[in-house]
Amino acid sequence: MGCLLRWTALIWTVNVIPCTFGMAVSERTDGSCPPLSVEEHRFTDVLDRPLDITGFDLTEKFLLRKGTITEDLPSYRLGSSPLIKPTKEIFPNGLSSEYSLVTIFRVRRTTKKDRWYLWQIFDQSGDSQVSVVVDGGKKAVEFFSRGELKNALRYTFKSRDLHALFDRQWHKLGVSVRSNIVSIYLDCKLIERRLTDEKDSVDFRGRTLITTRVEDGRPIDIELRQILIYCDPYMAEMENCCELQEPKSEANQTFNGTAPPPVAAKLPQMLSLPAAKSIDRCHCPAEKADTGEAGLSGDPGHEGELGSEGQKGIDGEKADKDCFKGDQGLPGDKGEQGVAGVPGEPGKEGKR
């Protein structure tokens, strides 16, 4: 019995330890991802093991520096010129096979129904290798990747919770890409998680583009605050939504991040759980205070005293006793002629 328990413990250790530490550490030691400096208030405070955060700020890589300052945060009005660069300039040493894409943007009235690439990498032949598509017509988000057999792997997320992404307000969209799972987050809420087939490695000798219309390749007219790619698939889950709250968070210092929670035995639980509800995980200044409780009812008023009797009114003037004689009236009109009389009866015969 004891031998059986030891063998069971050994098998469990062999299977669990690589899942716990291999994925979380190996992707950060391959040298492909540079350190990424980000604001401290972007992340939840439940993490306790410091770890350098690595990744790429595509806002900087595409030189999005000429924009407008609105609502206390810088935003960039896109749509005037194509945003496409050689992939080697964006990812000089490649990109880890597992990563998170996190962006904050809002669509405009003229583009809220367009279908466009948020991000795409294609090879030297112009064939797409990986992409994230925002589809305003279907109110959906699509993830595409080329499979190990060079087949197309396309996963469409069209939960009703994604409809808010197209209401022309600021939203944070997160995409977590793992070896066999793709997850979509909107405003720090897990929307949907899908199992995927194994994906092919990316050829970085092609080009990379952002915010480009699928139909004709023209730049899409949206407002953008930031596009980040973390070399860690858990960062999309760790981000909070302080930037979307009013008032804005006061924490602006940057840091190198903290480690994700252990991965062991997490996959089956994650896949079986429903979409998580959004929670407040940032340390922003207190929002407007709640309305106080209603006060106690006042005492009823006292009955008023009977008023004094009013004064007698003034007597009216008496009429004069002597009446004045009226003026003589005008003469009356002449009467009409009367009707002729009836002839009299013959008189009696006179005496002789």
Foldseek 3Di string as FASTA:
>chain_A
DVVVVVVVVVVLCVVFVCQFPVLQPVLVPPPQWDFDWDFPQFFFPPFDFADFWTWFWVCVLQPQPDADQDLNATKHWDFPAFRKDQLCSRRVRAAGQWKKKKWKWFADPVPLQFKWWQKWDDDPVRHTAWTWIQGNVLLWIKTWHQAPVRHIWIDIGRDPVSNVRSPRAIKMWMWTDDQFKIWIDIQLWTRDMDGTHGGDGDDRRGMMGGQAGPPPRGHHGIMTRTIIMISHRCVSNGTHRQVRDPPHAPRGGIDRGGGDDTRGPPVVVVNPDHIDDHDHRGDGPDDDDDDDDDDDDDDDDDDDDDDDDDDDDDDDDDDDPDDDDDDDDDDDDDDDDDDDDDDDDDDDDDDD
